[in-house]
Amino acid sequence: MMYSRRNFIKTGVTGIAATGVSGNVFASELFGTKSKPVRPIHVFTKCLQFLNYQEIAELLAIHGFDGADLTVRPGGQVLPENVATDLPKAVKALRDAGVNSYMITTSINNPDDKLTRSILKTMAELGIRYYRMGYLDYNNSKTISENLEAHKSTFEKLEKVNREFGVHGGYQNHSGRRVGGPVWDLYTLLKDRDPEFIGVQYDIRHATVEGAISWPIGMKLLAPWIKTTDIKDFIWEKNEKGIWKIKNVPLGEGMVDFKAYFELYKSLDIEAPVSIHYEYDLGGAEHGHLDPKMSREEIFSCLKKDLQFLKKQFQQFNL
């Protein structure tokens, strides 16, 4: 079913009001009087591409998120070439609604790209401390060691430019055959780098895919450089051809051992922004489609359910 953007937001407000949450709670907790959270919970906004800045802000405020992990990359909510004008607009809309953005997602993987400095300068001026880097590939014509030696200079240069602007770039450990999939390669690239300015955006879902049982070793190895984290869940299932494939599922319904994860997470004392990734079926919204086929009520329910799951984990582990 297709709904207008305004009706999408309007229905959400009505739904929250029906839960009995008072206006005083919104006034005190959502609109500027609560202290800055230690681990602010964001929604990775790829799944909200069909909403404008104000609508995203209103939606997140209604549901109790702390911020928006905005996509500042080609095809994202903020196009890199327009970052100087559009990112301030997006952040203003968030802050006007009582939420914020402590982290953004970029495609930055080239310190010499003319847009890199523009993005970092703008986010720094807005007080955004953290960004996710773009991915790096392995060149199959070279050995793994040769690849890593080549990529070391990229991390070294990005650390310098990050230091200049006072921001931190985190590389996501994404499962697969790109840099960061095995996790150990990130240690090789980061061991001589200052974790204050460059490091890892740790993703437990992808870590579990690549290291079902061994992932805690990799997480401990990377711990000094883990400054932001991603949260999502998955299962393995066979498709119609009998081939095992990954299927993304809501938090707590998959194979991620969240008990083990949050116990280790707490022991490592990671205090930085968290981004919930909604990559399971949302009628196309999970892929950034501008015309999702899932109803507004279902999308709202998914956002709320995963947020409640994460907040429950934080409460359980006293985070």
Protein backbone atom coordinates (compact mmCIF):
# COMPACT_ATOMS: atom_id res chain seq x y z
CA MET A 1 0.00 0.00 0.00
CA MET A 2 1.19 3.49 -0.79
CA TYR A 3 0.76 6.39 1.62
CA SER A 4 1.68 10.03 1.49
CA ARG A 5 4.65 11.15 3.54
CA ARG A 6 2.53 13.38 5.74
CA ASN A 7 0.03 10.60 6.46
CA PHE A 8 2.95 8.32 7.26
CA ILE A 9 4.10 10.65 10.02
CA LYS A 10 0.57 11.49 11.16
CA THR A 11 -0.31 7.86 11.70
CA GLY A 12 2.85 7.35 13.72
CA VAL A 13 1.98 10.20 16.05
CA THR A 14 -1.49 8.81 16.57
CA GLY A 15 -0.12 5.36 17.25
CA ILE A 16 2.32 6.58 19.87
CA ALA A 17 -0.32 8.72 21.56
CA ALA A 18 -2.46 5.63 21.91
CA THR A 19 0.24 3.95 24.02
CA GLY A 20 -0.32 6.43 26.82
CA VAL A 21 3.02 8.27 26.63
CA SER A 22 2.47 11.74 28.01
CA GLY A 23 3.36 15.02 26.37
CA ASN A 24 5.48 15.89 29.40
CA VAL A 25 7.67 12.86 28.72
CA PHE A 26 8.22 14.06 25.15
CA ALA A 27 8.95 17.57 26.32
CA SER A 28 11.54 16.49 28.87
CA GLU A 29 13.14 13.54 27.11
CA LEU A 30 12.90 14.41 23.43
CA PHE A 31 13.21 18.14 23.19
CA GLY A 32 16.44 19.16 24.77
CA THR A 33 16.34 18.75 28.55
CA LYS A 34 17.83 15.29 28.91
CA SER A 35 21.59 14.81 29.09
CA LYS A 36 23.60 13.52 26.15
CA PRO A 37 23.35 9.70 26.06
CA VAL A 38 26.54 7.69 26.53
CA ARG A 39 25.60 5.29 23.74
CA PRO A 40 23.11 7.21 21.60
CA ILE A 41 20.94 4.87 19.54
CA HIS A 42 20.56 5.81 15.88
CA VAL A 43 18.58 4.42 12.98
CA PHE A 44 20.62 3.89 9.82
CA THR A 45 18.47 6.00 7.53
CA LYS A 46 18.86 4.01 4.33
CA CYS A 47 15.46 2.51 5.15
CA LEU A 48 13.92 6.01 5.36
CA GLN A 49 15.00 7.33 1.97
CA PHE A 50 11.36 8.06 1.08
CA LEU A 51 11.02 10.66 3.85
CA ASN A 52 12.35 14.21 3.92
CA TYR A 53 14.53 15.59 6.72
CA GLN A 54 11.68 16.92 8.83
CA GLU A 55 9.68 13.74 8.52
CA ILE A 56 12.67 11.62 9.52
CA ALA A 57 13.25 13.87 12.52
CA GLU A 58 9.62 13.67 13.64
CA LEU A 59 9.55 9.91 13.22
CA LEU A 60 12.69 9.34 15.28
CA ALA A 61 11.52 11.68 18.03
CA ILE A 62 8.17 9.92 18.22
CA HIS A 63 9.76 6.51 18.61
CA GLY A 64 12.50 7.48 21.03
CA PHE A 65 15.65 7.19 18.96
CA ASP A 66 18.53 9.43 20.00
CA GLY A 67 19.64 10.22 16.48
CA ALA A 68 19.87 9.55 12.76
CA ASP A 69 22.81 7.80 11.15
CA LEU A 70 22.38 9.83 7.96
CA THR A 71 23.56 8.54 4.59
CA VAL A 72 25.97 11.16 3.21
CA ARG A 73 26.97 9.34 0.05
CA PRO A 74 25.88 8.91 -3.56
CA GLY A 75 22.17 8.11 -3.59
CA GLY A 76 21.81 8.96 0.11
CA GLN A 77 19.74 11.54 1.97
CA VAL A 78 22.61 13.99 1.61
CA LEU A 79 24.55 13.97 -1.64
CA PRO A 80 28.30 14.52 -1.08
CA GLU A 81 28.43 17.38 -3.56
CA ASN A 82 25.66 19.16 -1.63
CA VAL A 83 26.95 18.41 1.87
CA ALA A 84 27.76 22.02 2.80
CA THR A 85 24.14 23.09 2.31
CA ASP A 86 22.10 19.92 2.89
CA LEU A 87 23.74 18.33 5.92
CA PRO A 88 23.13 21.46 8.05
CA LYS A 89 19.48 21.37 6.95
CA ALA A 90 19.14 17.73 7.95
CA VAL A 91 20.81 18.24 11.32
CA LYS A 92 18.72 21.33 12.05
CA ALA A 93 15.53 19.36 11.38
CA LEU A 94 16.70 16.65 13.77
CA ARG A 95 17.66 19.04 16.54
CA ASP A 96 14.48 21.04 16.16
CA ALA A 97 12.59 17.80 16.83
CA GLY A 98 14.71 16.98 19.88
CA VAL A 99 16.93 14.32 18.35
CA ASN A 100 20.43 14.56 16.90
CA SER A 101 23.09 12.96 14.72
CA TYR A 102 26.28 11.79 16.36
CA MET A 103 27.33 9.68 13.38
CA ILE A 104 26.92 9.59 9.60
CA THR A 105 27.58 7.04 6.86
CA THR A 106 29.80 8.04 3.93
CA SER A 107 31.63 6.47 1.03
CA ILE A 108 34.92 8.10 2.01
CA ASN A 109 37.84 5.85 1.14
CA ASN A 110 40.09 8.30 -0.70
CA PRO A 111 41.75 11.04 1.34
CA ASP A 112 42.62 12.89 -1.85
CA ASP A 113 39.08 13.10 -3.19
CA LYS A 114 37.94 16.73 -3.30
CA LEU A 115 34.67 15.87 -1.54
CA THR A 116 36.37 14.17 1.42
CA ARG A 117 37.50 17.40 3.02
CA SER A 118 34.16 19.06 2.34
CA ILE A 119 32.26 16.29 4.15
CA LEU A 120 34.64 16.23 7.12
CA LYS A 121 34.68 20.01 7.43
CA THR A 122 30.89 20.21 7.40
CA MET A 123 30.31 17.42 9.91
CA ALA A 124 32.95 18.88 12.22
CA GLU A 125 31.30 22.30 12.12
CA LEU A 126 28.00 20.63 13.05
CA GLY A 127 29.55 18.80 15.98
CA ILE A 128 29.24 15.33 14.41
CA ARG A 129 32.18 13.30 15.66
CA TYR A 130 31.93 9.97 13.84
CA TYR A 131 31.57 8.79 10.24
CA ARG A 132 31.60 5.39 8.60
CA MET A 133 34.16 5.03 5.83
CA GLY A 134 33.60 3.57 2.38
CA TYR A 135 34.78 0.08 1.51
CA LEU A 136 38.11 -1.01 0.06
CA ASP A 137 38.61 -3.96 -2.29
CA TYR A 138 41.26 -6.59 -2.74
CA ASN A 139 43.03 -6.58 -6.10
CA ASN A 140 43.14 -10.22 -7.19
CA SER A 141 46.24 -9.62 -9.28
CA LYS A 142 48.20 -8.92 -6.08
CA THR A 143 48.89 -10.96 -2.99
CA ILE A 144 46.98 -10.23 0.22
CA SER A 145 50.13 -8.77 1.76
CA GLU A 146 50.63 -6.47 -1.22
CA ASN A 147 47.02 -5.33 -0.99
CA LEU A 148 47.32 -4.52 2.69
CA GLU A 149 50.56 -2.63 2.18
CA ALA A 150 48.82 -0.49 -0.45
CA HIS A 151 45.84 0.17 1.80
CA LYS A 152 47.99 1.14 4.77
CA SER A 153 48.75 4.48 3.14
CA THR A 154 45.02 5.17 2.75
CA PHE A 155 44.43 4.65 6.47
CA GLU A 156 47.47 6.72 7.36
CA LYS A 157 46.36 9.65 5.17
CA LEU A 158 42.77 9.48 6.42
CA GLU A 159 44.00 9.51 10.01
CA LYS A 160 45.85 12.76 9.28
CA VAL A 161 42.89 14.50 7.67
CA ASN A 162 40.55 13.24 10.42
CA ARG A 163 42.94 14.67 13.00
CA GLU A 164 42.88 17.99 11.19
CA PHE A 165 39.10 18.23 11.55
CA GLY A 166 38.82 16.47 14.91
CA VAL A 167 36.62 13.62 13.66
CA HIS A 168 36.79 9.83 13.67
CA GLY A 169 36.46 7.51 10.68
CA GLY A 170 35.31 3.96 11.33
CA TYR A 171 35.67 1.11 8.83
CA GLN A 172 32.84 -1.45 9.01
CA ASN A 173 33.82 -5.11 9.24
CA HIS A 174 31.45 -6.20 6.49
CA SER A 175 31.26 -9.91 5.68
CA GLY A 176 32.50 -10.98 2.26
CA ARG A 177 35.70 -10.74 0.27
CA ARG A 178 36.38 -7.06 0.63
CA VAL A 179 38.79 -5.55 3.13
CA GLY A 180 37.36 -6.00 6.63
CA GLY A 181 35.57 -9.27 6.02
CA PRO A 182 38.15 -11.42 7.84
CA VAL A 183 38.53 -8.79 10.62
CA TRP A 184 42.20 -9.65 11.08
CA ASP A 185 43.12 -7.54 8.07
CA LEU A 186 41.75 -4.47 9.85
CA TYR A 187 44.19 -5.01 12.70
CA THR A 188 47.04 -5.04 10.19
CA LEU A 189 45.83 -1.74 8.76
CA LEU A 190 45.14 -0.09 12.12
CA LYS A 191 47.82 -1.31 14.50
CA ASP A 192 49.99 1.76 13.90
CA ARG A 193 47.10 4.21 13.70
CA ASP A 194 45.69 6.47 16.41
CA PRO A 195 42.29 5.08 17.52
CA GLU A 196 41.21 8.58 18.46
CA PHE A 197 40.84 9.44 14.78
CA ILE A 198 40.49 6.22 12.80
CA GLY A 199 39.25 2.76 13.63
CA VAL A 200 36.36 0.33 13.31
CA GLN A 201 32.59 0.54 13.19
CA TYR A 202 32.05 -2.92 14.61
CA ASP A 203 29.19 -4.98 13.18
CA ILE A 204 28.31 -8.07 15.22
CA ARG A 205 26.05 -9.47 12.49
CA HIS A 206 28.84 -9.49 9.93
CA ALA A 207 31.36 -10.68 12.52
CA THR A 208 29.11 -13.65 13.30
CA VAL A 209 28.72 -14.51 9.61
CA GLU A 210 32.49 -14.72 9.19
CA GLY A 211 33.39 -16.11 12.63
CA ALA A 212 30.39 -17.92 14.07
CA ILE A 213 32.26 -19.01 17.19
CA SER A 214 35.58 -17.18 16.95
CA TRP A 215 34.23 -13.61 16.58
CA PRO A 216 35.02 -12.65 20.23
CA ILE A 217 38.74 -13.06 19.49
CA GLY A 218 38.53 -10.63 16.59
CA MET A 219 36.47 -8.17 18.61
CA LYS A 220 39.01 -8.20 21.43
CA LEU A 221 41.82 -7.70 18.94
CA LEU A 222 40.13 -4.65 17.44
CA ALA A 223 38.79 -3.29 20.74
CA PRO A 224 41.06 -0.22 21.00
CA TRP A 225 39.83 0.99 17.62
CA ILE A 226 36.09 0.23 18.04
CA LYS A 227 34.42 3.61 18.44
CA THR A 228 30.99 3.01 16.86
CA THR A 229 28.87 -0.11 16.40
CA ASP A 230 26.16 -1.51 14.12
CA ILE A 231 23.34 -3.80 15.25
CA LYS A 232 21.41 -6.28 13.14
CA ASP A 233 20.63 -10.01 13.00
CA PHE A 234 20.47 -12.87 10.45
CA ILE A 235 19.97 -16.57 9.80
CA TRP A 236 21.32 -19.02 7.23
CA GLU A 237 18.68 -20.70 5.09
CA LYS A 238 18.59 -22.76 1.90
CA ASN A 239 17.05 -21.23 -1.20
CA GLU A 240 14.98 -23.12 -3.74
CA LYS A 241 18.18 -24.46 -5.35
CA GLY A 242 19.43 -25.85 -2.06
CA ILE A 243 22.13 -23.19 -1.69
CA TRP A 244 22.72 -21.70 1.72
CA LYS A 245 22.06 -17.95 1.80
CA ILE A 246 21.98 -15.26 4.44
CA LYS A 247 18.59 -13.89 5.41
CA ASN A 248 18.36 -10.74 7.52
CA VAL A 249 15.84 -10.88 10.37
CA PRO A 250 14.67 -8.62 13.23
CA LEU A 251 16.89 -8.33 16.30
CA GLY A 252 16.76 -11.35 18.56
CA GLU A 253 15.25 -13.65 15.94
CA GLY A 254 18.49 -14.81 14.36
CA MET A 255 21.88 -16.35 15.03
CA VAL A 256 23.67 -13.43 16.69
CA ASP A 257 24.51 -14.33 20.30
CA PHE A 258 23.53 -11.00 21.82
CA LYS A 259 24.15 -12.21 25.38
CA ALA A 260 27.77 -13.02 24.59
CA TYR A 261 28.10 -9.87 22.52
CA PHE A 262 26.82 -7.45 25.15
CA GLU A 263 28.80 -9.11 27.90
CA LEU A 264 31.96 -8.54 25.87
CA TYR A 265 30.77 -5.11 24.72
CA LYS A 266 30.37 -4.06 28.35
CA SER A 267 33.70 -5.50 29.44
CA LEU A 268 35.44 -3.52 26.69
CA ASP A 269 33.69 -0.35 27.93
CA ILE A 270 32.65 0.81 24.46
CA GLU A 271 30.92 4.17 24.82
CA ALA A 272 30.01 5.56 21.42
CA PRO A 273 27.06 5.89 19.02
CA VAL A 274 25.13 2.77 17.98
CA SER A 275 23.31 2.35 14.66
CA ILE A 276 20.43 -0.09 14.16
CA HIS A 277 20.42 -1.36 10.58
CA TYR A 278 17.04 -2.41 9.18
CA GLU A 279 18.01 -4.76 6.37
CA TYR A 280 15.25 -7.35 6.55
CA ASP A 281 12.10 -7.14 4.44
CA LEU A 282 10.46 -3.72 4.69
CA GLY A 283 8.77 -3.78 1.32
CA GLY A 284 11.84 -2.37 -0.40
CA ALA A 285 12.58 0.36 2.15
CA GLU A 286 15.49 -1.74 3.40
CA HIS A 287 17.14 -1.18 0.01
CA GLY A 288 16.54 2.55 0.05
CA HIS A 289 13.58 2.46 -2.33
CA LEU A 290 11.56 5.65 -2.58
CA ASP A 291 8.26 3.78 -2.92
CA PRO A 292 8.19 0.99 -0.31
CA LYS A 293 5.28 -1.40 -0.61
CA MET A 294 5.01 -2.17 3.10
CA SER A 295 2.38 -0.26 5.05
CA ARG A 296 3.32 2.55 7.39
CA GLU A 297 2.03 0.62 10.41
CA GLU A 298 4.31 -2.33 9.64
CA ILE A 299 7.38 -0.14 9.12
CA PHE A 300 6.66 1.73 12.36
CA SER A 301 6.27 -1.57 14.17
CA CYS A 302 9.64 -2.83 12.89
CA LEU A 303 11.44 0.34 13.93
CA LYS A 304 9.89 0.25 17.37
CA LYS A 305 10.41 -3.48 17.95
CA ASP A 306 14.14 -3.46 17.24
CA LEU A 307 14.64 -0.28 19.27
CA GLN A 308 12.86 -1.86 22.24
CA PHE A 309 15.00 -4.97 21.89
CA LEU A 310 18.22 -2.95 21.97
CA LYS A 311 17.08 -0.80 24.89
CA LYS A 312 16.19 -3.95 26.79
CA GLN A 313 19.70 -5.29 26.22
CA PHE A 314 21.19 -2.03 27.46
CA GLN A 315 19.00 -2.22 30.55
CA GLN A 316 19.77 -5.89 31.19
CA PHE A 317 23.52 -5.37 30.97
CA ASN A 318 23.42 -1.99 32.73
CA LEU A 319 24.86 -0.11 29.77
